[in-house]
Each structure stands twice: as structure tokens, then as C-alpha cells.
Protein backbone atom coordinates (compact mmCIF):
# COMPACT_ATOMS: atom_id res chain seq x y z
CA MET A 1 136.27 71.33 129.54
CA ASN A 2 134.74 70.96 126.63
CA ILE A 3 132.76 73.79 124.20
CA LEU A 4 129.27 72.82 126.48
CA GLU A 5 130.82 73.43 129.95
CA SER A 6 131.90 76.62 128.50
CA ILE A 7 129.17 77.36 126.95
CA LEU A 8 126.89 76.70 130.38
CA GLY A 9 129.85 78.04 132.69
CA GLY A 10 129.35 81.46 130.69
CA LEU A 11 125.50 81.43 131.37
CA GLN A 12 126.20 80.62 134.95
CA SER A 13 128.68 83.39 135.42
CA ILE A 14 125.32 85.21 133.91
CA TRP A 15 123.37 83.94 136.06
CA THR A 16 125.01 84.26 139.44
CA HIS A 17 126.66 88.23 139.00
CA LYS A 18 122.73 89.55 137.76
CA LEU A 19 123.47 93.06 138.38
CA ARG A 20 127.25 92.79 137.05
CA SER A 21 126.06 91.03 134.07
CA ALA A 22 123.11 93.37 133.28
CA LEU A 23 125.41 96.26 133.24
CA THR A 24 128.36 94.18 131.19
CA LEU A 25 125.27 93.78 128.71
CA PHE A 26 123.31 97.14 128.27
CA GLY A 27 126.04 98.45 126.25
CA ILE A 28 125.94 94.67 123.71
CA VAL A 29 121.90 94.74 124.41
CA VAL A 30 121.54 98.44 122.94
CA GLY A 31 123.97 98.23 120.13
CA VAL A 32 122.30 95.57 118.38
CA ALA A 33 119.29 96.86 119.13
CA ALA A 34 120.24 99.90 117.26
CA VAL A 35 121.56 98.20 113.90
CA VAL A 36 118.22 95.85 113.82
CA ALA A 37 115.89 99.03 114.18
CA MET A 38 117.72 101.09 112.41
CA PHE A 39 118.40 98.80 109.07
CA SER A 40 114.93 98.08 109.48
CA PHE A 41 114.01 101.93 109.66
CA VAL A 42 115.30 102.36 106.55
CA GLY A 43 114.75 99.53 104.82
CA GLY A 44 111.41 100.10 105.73
CA ILE A 45 111.18 103.53 104.13
CA SER A 46 113.52 102.26 100.82
CA LYS A 47 110.81 99.61 100.06
CA ARG A 48 108.01 102.15 100.67
CA ILE A 49 109.38 104.57 98.24
CA MET A 50 110.43 101.57 96.01
CA GLU A 51 106.89 100.71 96.06
CA ASP A 52 105.32 103.78 95.18
CA PHE A 53 107.95 104.14 92.29
CA ASP A 54 106.34 100.87 91.03
CA GLN A 55 102.67 102.55 91.46
CA LEU A 56 103.70 105.39 89.20
CA GLY A 57 104.04 103.11 86.23
CA PHE A 58 107.02 104.55 84.70
CA ASP A 59 109.91 102.00 85.32
CA ASN A 60 110.33 100.68 81.99
CA VAL A 61 108.64 102.94 79.66
CA PHE A 62 109.21 105.52 76.65
CA PHE A 63 107.18 108.64 75.46
CA ILE A 64 107.46 109.18 72.01
CA ALA A 65 105.65 112.77 71.15
CA SER A 66 105.61 114.94 67.54
CA ARG A 67 107.70 117.74 66.92
CA PRO A 68 108.96 119.84 64.45
CA PRO A 69 112.25 118.94 62.94
CA ASP A 70 114.79 121.20 63.66
CA ASN A 71 116.46 120.93 60.73
CA PRO A 72 116.47 123.73 57.83
CA ASP A 73 114.91 122.15 55.51
CA GLY A 74 112.11 121.61 58.03
CA LEU A 75 109.18 122.26 56.18
CA ALA A 76 110.19 120.12 52.73
CA SER A 77 111.17 117.64 55.61
CA LEU A 78 107.29 117.55 56.63
CA ARG A 79 105.95 116.42 53.20
CA VAL A 80 108.08 113.68 53.54
CA SER A 81 107.41 112.00 56.55
CA ARG A 82 103.78 110.82 57.83
CA GLY A 83 104.89 112.28 61.84
CA LEU A 84 103.29 109.83 64.37
CA THR A 85 100.85 106.86 62.83
CA LEU A 86 99.05 104.13 63.87
CA ARG A 87 101.16 102.57 61.32
CA ASP A 88 104.54 102.94 63.29
CA THR A 89 102.55 101.05 65.94
CA GLU A 90 101.90 98.48 64.22
CA ILE A 91 105.76 98.38 62.80
CA LEU A 92 106.87 98.75 66.06
CA ARG A 93 105.03 96.23 67.55
CA GLU A 94 106.22 93.43 64.59
CA GLU A 95 110.11 94.48 64.42
CA ILE A 96 110.51 95.61 68.17
CA PRO A 97 110.55 91.86 70.40
CA GLU A 98 111.61 93.68 73.61
CA ILE A 99 108.34 95.68 73.34
CA ARG A 100 105.63 94.49 75.89
CA TRP A 101 103.01 97.07 75.67
CA LEU A 102 102.37 100.09 72.88
CA CYS A 103 99.44 102.54 73.13
CA PRO A 104 99.23 105.51 70.85
CA THR A 105 97.28 108.01 71.77
CA VAL A 106 95.67 111.52 71.17
CA ALA A 107 94.19 113.90 73.17
CA ALA A 108 91.82 116.43 73.47
CA HIS A 109 90.71 118.85 76.07
CA VAL A 110 86.58 119.35 76.30
CA VAL A 111 83.80 119.92 78.18
CA GLY A 112 82.28 117.11 79.81
CA ARG A 113 78.17 116.66 80.93
CA ALA A 114 76.42 114.46 83.04
CA GLY A 115 72.51 115.57 84.36
CA ASN A 116 73.23 119.27 85.20
CA GLN A 117 77.09 118.47 86.55
CA ALA A 118 79.53 119.48 84.24
CA ARG A 119 83.80 120.05 83.97
CA HIS A 120 86.61 120.65 81.60
CA LEU A 121 88.34 117.53 81.15
CA GLU A 122 91.07 115.54 79.30
CA VAL A 123 89.84 112.96 76.34
CA PHE A 124 92.45 110.40 76.15
CA ALA A 125 92.06 108.37 73.51
CA ALA A 126 94.47 105.07 73.74
CA THR A 127 94.18 101.63 73.45
CA PRO A 128 93.46 98.56 75.79
CA ASP A 129 97.13 98.61 76.10
CA GLY A 130 97.69 102.29 77.95
CA PHE A 131 96.05 100.81 80.73
CA PRO A 132 98.13 97.91 81.73
CA LEU A 133 101.27 99.81 80.24
CA LEU A 134 100.46 103.17 83.00
CA LYS A 135 99.69 100.04 85.75
CA LEU A 136 95.70 101.75 86.25
CA ASP A 137 93.56 99.46 88.41
CA LEU A 138 89.83 98.89 87.36
CA GLY A 139 87.22 100.07 90.24
CA ALA A 140 83.78 98.85 88.61
CA GLY A 141 82.95 98.07 85.08
CA ARG A 142 85.84 97.04 82.25
CA LEU A 143 87.97 98.47 80.30
CA LEU A 144 88.44 99.46 76.50
CA THR A 145 88.61 96.06 74.21
CA TRP A 146 90.52 95.88 70.91
CA THR A 147 86.43 95.52 69.08
CA ASP A 148 85.74 98.66 70.57
CA VAL A 149 88.66 100.21 68.59
CA ASP A 150 88.20 98.28 65.88
CA SER A 151 84.41 99.21 65.60
CA HIS A 152 84.94 102.89 66.55
CA ALA A 153 82.88 102.58 69.47
CA ARG A 154 81.54 105.09 71.22
CA VAL A 155 82.55 104.17 74.57
CA ALA A 156 84.40 105.29 78.10
CA VAL A 157 85.91 104.50 81.32
CA LEU A 158 86.24 107.20 83.52
CA GLY A 159 89.16 108.22 86.27
CA GLU A 160 88.28 108.28 89.57
CA ILE A 161 88.22 112.20 89.84
CA VAL A 162 86.12 112.69 87.10
CA LYS A 163 83.73 109.80 88.27
CA GLU A 164 83.08 111.32 91.60
CA ASP A 165 82.53 115.22 89.79
CA LEU A 166 80.38 114.14 87.36
CA PHE A 167 78.52 111.06 88.98
CA GLY A 168 79.07 111.70 92.51
CA ASP A 169 78.09 108.58 94.87
CA ARG A 170 75.83 107.18 91.96
CA ASN A 171 77.03 104.30 89.94
CA ALA A 172 78.70 105.43 86.09
CA VAL A 173 79.04 102.39 84.60
CA GLY A 174 75.96 102.06 81.31
CA GLU A 175 75.09 105.97 82.12
CA GLU A 176 75.52 108.29 79.58
CA MET A 177 77.24 111.23 79.16
CA LEU A 178 78.13 114.18 76.87
CA VAL A 179 81.70 114.66 75.57
CA GLY A 180 81.85 117.89 73.98
CA ASN A 181 79.28 117.55 70.89
CA GLN A 182 79.83 113.39 71.22
CA ARG A 183 77.36 111.25 73.33
CA LEU A 184 79.32 108.37 75.35
CA THR A 185 78.62 105.47 77.29
CA VAL A 186 80.16 104.74 80.52
CA VAL A 187 81.80 101.26 80.41
CA GLY A 188 83.99 101.14 83.04
CA VAL A 189 85.51 103.58 86.33
CA LEU A 190 89.32 103.29 87.35
CA ARG A 191 90.09 103.01 90.85
CA MET A 192 92.68 105.18 92.34
CA LYS A 193 95.95 103.50 94.10
CA GLU A 194 96.62 104.40 97.44
CA PHE A 195 100.24 105.86 98.33
CA SER A 196 101.94 106.88 101.00
CA GLN A 197 100.80 109.86 102.70
CA MET A 198 104.46 110.34 103.58
CA PHE A 199 105.29 110.76 100.19
CA GLY A 200 102.74 113.68 98.81
CA GLY A 201 99.89 111.40 98.31
CA SER A 202 98.75 109.25 95.01
CA GLY A 203 100.64 110.13 92.04
CA GLN A 204 98.80 109.49 89.90
CA GLU A 205 95.57 112.27 90.04
CA GLU A 206 96.46 113.59 86.57
CA TYR A 207 95.34 109.63 84.79
CA HIS A 208 92.10 109.69 87.24
CA GLU A 209 91.03 113.62 85.68
CA ARG A 210 90.61 112.00 82.16
CA ILE A 211 88.63 110.19 80.27
CA TYR A 212 89.68 107.12 78.44
CA ILE A 213 88.01 106.52 74.67
CA PRO A 214 89.03 104.05 71.85
CA VAL A 215 91.92 105.73 69.79
CA THR A 216 90.22 105.50 66.52
CA THR A 217 87.05 107.01 68.06
CA GLY A 218 89.62 110.05 69.55
CA ILE A 219 90.80 110.10 66.06
CA HIS A 220 86.78 110.03 64.00
CA TYR A 221 85.22 112.61 66.46
CA TYR A 222 87.90 115.10 68.24
CA SER A 223 91.24 115.74 66.65
CA GLY A 224 89.76 115.66 62.75
CA SER A 225 93.72 113.85 62.08
CA LYS A 226 95.24 110.79 61.51
CA ASP A 227 98.08 112.39 63.71
CA ILE A 228 99.01 110.69 66.41
CA ASP A 229 100.17 113.03 69.43
CA TYR A 230 101.95 110.52 71.27
CA PHE A 231 103.10 106.93 72.14
CA ALA A 232 103.44 105.21 75.39
CA VAL A 233 105.95 102.33 75.52
CA ARG A 234 106.78 99.47 77.46
CA ILE A 235 109.40 97.30 77.54
CA ARG A 236 109.89 93.67 79.15
CA ASP A 237 111.38 93.60 82.50
CA ASP A 238 114.63 91.46 80.96
CA ALA A 239 115.12 93.76 77.75
CA ASP A 240 117.68 96.46 77.75
CA ILE A 241 117.05 99.82 77.72
CA ALA A 242 119.25 101.49 76.44
CA ALA A 243 119.55 99.31 73.08
CA ALA A 244 115.69 99.16 73.14
CA TYR A 245 115.77 102.74 73.14
CA GLU A 246 118.18 102.83 70.05
CA SER A 247 115.70 100.25 67.89
CA ILE A 248 113.05 102.01 68.45
CA HIS A 249 114.77 105.58 67.46
CA ARG A 250 116.33 103.86 64.19
CA THR A 251 113.18 102.04 63.36
CA LEU A 252 111.44 105.50 63.24
CA LEU A 253 113.83 107.07 61.77
CA ARG A 254 113.69 105.03 59.14
CA GLU A 255 110.06 104.79 58.87
CA HIS A 256 109.91 108.89 58.60
CA ARG A 257 112.45 109.18 56.00
CA GLY A 258 115.39 109.96 57.83
CA VAL A 259 113.15 112.96 58.92
CA GLU A 260 113.39 113.45 62.78
CA ASP A 261 109.88 114.62 64.01
CA PHE A 262 109.64 113.01 66.67
CA HIS A 263 111.07 113.12 70.49
CA ILE A 264 111.60 109.61 72.68
CA GLU A 265 111.67 110.73 76.13
CA ASN A 266 113.97 108.44 78.23
CA ILE A 267 110.95 108.29 80.98
CA ALA A 268 112.81 103.97 81.71
CA GLU A 269 116.09 105.49 82.31
CA GLN A 270 115.25 108.99 84.55
CA ILE A 271 112.99 106.50 86.88
CA ALA A 272 116.43 103.81 86.97
CA GLU A 273 118.38 106.51 88.01
CA ALA A 274 116.16 107.85 90.74
CA ILE A 275 116.09 104.34 91.63
CA GLU A 276 119.78 103.71 91.86
CA GLY A 277 119.81 107.52 94.12
CA VAL A 278 117.28 106.24 96.47
CA GLU A 279 119.45 102.54 96.79
CA ARG A 280 122.42 104.97 97.35
CA ILE A 281 121.30 106.69 100.11
CA THR A 282 120.01 104.09 101.76
CA GLN A 283 123.54 102.22 102.09
CA THR A 284 124.87 105.91 103.04
CA TRP A 285 122.19 105.86 106.20
CA ASN A 286 123.32 102.19 107.04
CA MET A 287 126.99 102.73 107.08
CA ILE A 288 125.90 105.54 109.16
CA LEU A 289 123.73 103.99 111.31
CA SER A 290 126.04 101.46 111.55
CA SER A 291 129.14 103.58 112.53
CA ILE A 292 126.96 104.97 115.55
CA ALA A 293 125.60 101.69 116.79
CA THR A 294 129.48 99.71 117.13
CA VAL A 295 130.46 103.18 119.17
CA SER A 296 127.35 101.04 121.53
CA LEU A 297 128.60 97.90 121.10
CA LEU A 298 132.54 98.98 121.82
CA VAL A 299 131.69 100.07 125.11
CA GLY A 300 129.53 97.38 125.65
CA GLY A 301 132.82 95.61 124.76
CA LEU A 302 134.98 97.34 127.06
CA GLY A 303 132.22 96.65 129.91
CA LEU A 304 132.91 92.72 128.89
CA LEU A 305 136.34 93.68 128.91
CA SER A 306 136.72 94.78 132.47
CA VAL A 307 134.29 92.34 133.86
CA LEU A 308 136.59 89.33 132.16
CA ILE A 309 139.45 90.01 133.82
CA ILE A 310 137.32 90.90 137.56
CA SER A 311 136.25 87.08 136.60
CA VAL A 312 139.95 85.69 136.17
CA ASN A 313 140.95 87.55 139.34
CA GLU A 314 137.88 86.02 141.29
CA ARG A 315 139.28 82.37 139.80
CA LEU A 316 142.90 82.46 139.98
CA ARG A 317 142.46 79.54 142.50
CA GLU A 318 140.33 77.62 139.68
CA ILE A 319 142.62 78.20 137.17
CA GLY A 320 146.15 77.43 138.93
CA ILE A 321 144.56 73.53 140.62
CA ARG A 322 143.35 73.19 136.52
CA LYS A 323 146.67 73.68 135.42
CA ALA A 324 148.14 71.83 139.02
CA VAL A 325 146.42 68.81 137.60
CA GLY A 326 147.52 68.56 133.86
CA ALA A 327 144.91 71.35 132.08
CA GLU A 328 146.74 72.64 128.82
CA ASP A 329 147.03 76.57 128.35
CA ARG A 330 144.82 75.54 125.15
CA ALA A 331 141.91 74.63 127.13
CA ILE A 332 142.18 77.31 129.10
CA PHE A 333 142.07 79.82 126.62
CA GLN A 334 139.39 78.10 125.12
CA GLN A 335 137.08 78.34 128.23
CA PHE A 336 137.23 81.72 128.92
CA ILE A 337 136.71 82.56 124.77
CA ILE A 338 133.75 80.54 124.42
CA GLU A 339 132.09 82.00 127.85
CA SER A 340 132.98 86.18 126.73
CA VAL A 341 131.34 85.02 123.01
CA THR A 342 128.49 83.72 125.17
CA ILE A 343 127.90 86.42 127.38
CA SER A 344 127.85 88.77 124.00
CA VAL A 345 125.56 86.30 122.18
CA VAL A 346 123.16 86.30 124.74
CA GLY A 347 123.59 90.22 124.45
CA GLY A 348 123.18 90.04 121.12
CA LEU A 349 119.86 88.17 121.25
CA VAL A 350 118.45 89.96 123.96
CA GLY A 351 119.03 93.61 121.62
CA LEU A 352 117.27 91.53 118.79
CA GLY A 353 114.60 90.97 120.78
CA VAL A 354 114.82 94.83 121.78
CA GLY A 355 115.49 95.82 118.12
CA ALA A 356 111.79 94.20 117.19
CA GLY A 357 110.01 95.19 119.63
CA LEU A 358 111.04 98.68 118.38
CA CYS A 359 109.84 97.76 114.44
CA GLN A 360 106.85 96.84 116.48
CA LEU A 361 106.33 100.02 118.08
CA ILE A 362 107.20 102.22 115.08
CA THR A 363 104.34 100.01 113.27
CA PHE A 364 102.31 100.59 115.43
CA ALA A 365 102.56 104.83 115.88
CA ALA A 366 102.91 105.14 112.72
CA ALA A 367 99.22 102.88 112.32
CA GLN A 368 97.71 106.06 115.31
CA MET A 369 98.85 108.55 112.94
CA ASP A 370 97.06 106.93 109.94
CA GLN A 371 100.07 106.58 108.59
CA ASP A 372 99.75 102.71 106.52
CA PHE A 373 103.57 102.10 107.21
CA ILE A 374 105.09 98.84 108.27
CA ILE A 375 108.46 98.45 109.69
CA THR A 376 109.45 94.51 108.65
CA VAL A 377 112.57 93.17 111.24
CA SER A 378 115.90 93.89 108.91
CA GLY A 379 117.09 90.34 108.31
CA LYS A 380 120.48 91.51 107.13
CA GLY A 381 120.23 94.24 110.07
CA SER A 382 120.00 91.63 112.27
CA ILE A 383 122.99 88.97 111.02
CA LEU A 384 124.83 92.62 111.13
CA GLY A 385 124.24 92.56 114.59
CA LEU A 386 124.30 89.52 115.80
CA SER A 387 127.19 89.43 113.87
CA PHE A 388 129.20 93.03 116.11
CA ALA A 389 128.04 91.20 119.44
CA ILE A 390 129.97 87.82 118.41
CA ALA A 391 132.96 89.72 117.22
CA VAL A 392 132.32 92.27 120.04
CA GLY A 393 132.71 89.23 123.02
CA PHE A 394 135.74 87.77 120.50
CA LEU A 395 137.56 90.63 120.44
CA PHE A 396 137.19 91.86 123.67
CA GLY A 397 137.78 88.32 125.68
CA LEU A 398 140.94 87.47 124.20
CA TYR A 399 143.36 89.60 127.10
CA PRO A 400 141.74 88.23 129.37
CA ALA A 401 141.59 84.31 127.77
CA LEU A 402 144.87 85.32 127.66
CA LYS A 403 146.29 85.75 130.73
CA ALA A 404 144.10 83.01 132.25
CA SER A 405 145.65 80.83 130.30
CA ARG A 406 149.41 81.91 131.16
CA LEU A 407 148.75 81.76 134.39
CA ASP A 408 151.67 80.04 136.46
CA PRO A 409 149.51 77.24 138.72
CA ILE A 410 151.88 77.66 141.68
CA SER A 411 151.27 82.15 142.13
CA ALA A 412 147.65 81.57 141.37
CA ILE A 413 147.23 78.82 144.35
CA SER A 414 149.60 80.68 146.19
CA ARG A 415 147.49 83.81 146.55
CA TYR A 416 144.47 81.66 148.18
CA ALA A 417 146.94 79.19 150.28
């Protein structure tokens, strides 16, 4: 009997004994479905967390802020260093190839007015690099340009919350507003990203409670000083975070004549550590859930073992005749082990279908609760679940296959004589 005949024999056995086969396959189906569904669910949560991390805009980002030097000669040192200035941005761009975007920032808190509406708001004077650096999306109009920076243009891009507070449902682009004692023209409005509700909403509200103006405009009209409050720096994805940090620190320390009147906050490393933490938690949960699902598969394996032993006893005459006409022990063993694996594979495939159905059910339930939470079937979970099913079929089929292959043909036939 060849391999194909053995597979067909296994399928025929399932079809002939439907109830018995269903009870046998139940544990395998549940185990595989549990592996697929749980891996997919945990993977879906992990993916959504990673997407939210990416939308926050803090990956590969440093913030460099001004601060008083913490050495005994602080006052004397301040006379030596000019503090953070626009010149620092030029030097960093020229000398640090790891930098992708660099945005000097001056902040001011003033009252903004549009029509009969007024509110306190934060003026965020920056460069065009600030928008892609923080991954801010444009909703209407345009963003700041380098021409705006060079010409000290009195233009503004509004955060979505500011726009709604001051202009309501009206189109703000092209309108004028009074910011402090300066009249600015609105050239754009940002669009707030949608974050998963299960993780606390947007996470970018603070960006949308600001208005964005050219950094030179901020220095000229609001700051009264050439000092920069802080820089935001995004390094390239393929750059080494630690090496970029050291290069930036070394360059600024040199430009400030050895005075460390700045502080580099390594947000990139903090985000990387948070992502690693999520990955570790995901791996731990996958191990725990896999262990739980394995119990179901082992239960299914015990059922399979019982059924195969019964099958061997029912087919003693067939086995005896085959061995009497010259069938080798290896052929008998191969027949039963292939039948065992075939039965478990059928259970595994049904389990994959059930697991995929559970994923769709979770996605549908989330949609009914207004949650944009899509669970895609985990390829890793599917492969692992099916592999477990095959392993169960092989391991629990060994004893019945060995028992059948070692039967004495005369004893086997004589039981039906």
C-alpha cells in the first residue's frame, strides 16, 4: 500500500465512523483553533500598539533643550556660550549625517482672537521640518515653507482643536486672526490622526492646541531674543541611536565652548525600550497561550490514540492477511502512521477554519462597539497550530502503528477463524 492509498484509507476511516471521528477530532480542532485565534488576537493588539507608537511621532527623535549649566562657574560660563541658536541647527545639519530632520523651536503663550472668539494658546515657532519630524498631517491649506521662514512671514498653521475653538465649522484658511498683538494669516489647518480608542484616544491633542508660525517670525515678534528654546531632531531609520546621540552631544559641546548649557532628552531610546517591552509581553503571552492550547491538543491526541487502538483491533484480520501474503512490518507501520497523521491534519485544517472564523467574529464584535480593531489571521499561529496537529498525529500514532506492524499473522487471522 503506497502513501496515497494510506491517506485515502485515513479519510475513508473518518467518513465511515463519522461520530467517532468527530469526537476524536474535537480536541485537535479546539487546540488548533485556540492557537490560531489567540496568536491572531495578541498579534492584532501588538500591531495596533505599534501603529499608535508610530503615529505618536517620537520614534528616532531627540529633544535638545536649553538649561543653565550645572557647574560652579555657571555665570562665567554663560558669558562664554551663546546658548542654543539658529547657528547650532546649521552646524548640526552640516556635520551629523544621521540627522533626517531638525527643527529649532521658540514657544510663547498668548491670547488668540478670531472674530468674537478668543482663547489662550501656545505659539509654536518652527521650521517646515517640524511637521514631518513630528508626523503631523495637513487637513486643509498648506504647511509652512522655507520662504515663510526667510521672509519672517506673518502666517500661521492651526492645530485642529484651535481651529474648532476659534473658527468653528467655518473654513479658516485665508482668514486673519490676532495672535497677541500681531495679525496673522491662516494658511493651513492640521488634521488630527485617529488612534485606537482602547489605548486612550489620540495622544496628539497637545499638537492641535497650538498654532505654528515660522521660527524667524517667532523670534522677531514674540520672543525678543535670538535664543532657541529647544530643538527637535529626528535621525534616519538606519542610523544608530546611541552613536547619533554621542555625535550631537559632542558637536554641541564643542560649539558651546565646553559649556553644557543644554540637555538632550533621548526620546528615541525611550520609545525603542517601550517597543521592546511590548514585544517581550507579546512573546510571553504567546508562550502562555500556546501552552494552554497544547493541553487541548494533547487531549485530542489521547482521543486519537484510543480510536487508533480500536481501529487496529477491528482490522486484525486485514492486517493478518496482508502480512501472510508478504506485507512487511514497515509497510503496515507506514499505513497506520500515515492514517493517524491524515486524521490529525484534517482536524488541524478544520481548526484553522474555526480559528479564522473566530478572528472574523472578534473583528465584527469590535465594529459593533465602534472600535476599528481588525484581527487578521496570524500566519505564525496557523503554521504552529497545524504543526502541533501533525506532531500529535505522529506521536500518538506511533504505538498503534507499532502494535499493528508487530502482530503475528497467524494469531491475527485465527481470531476470526
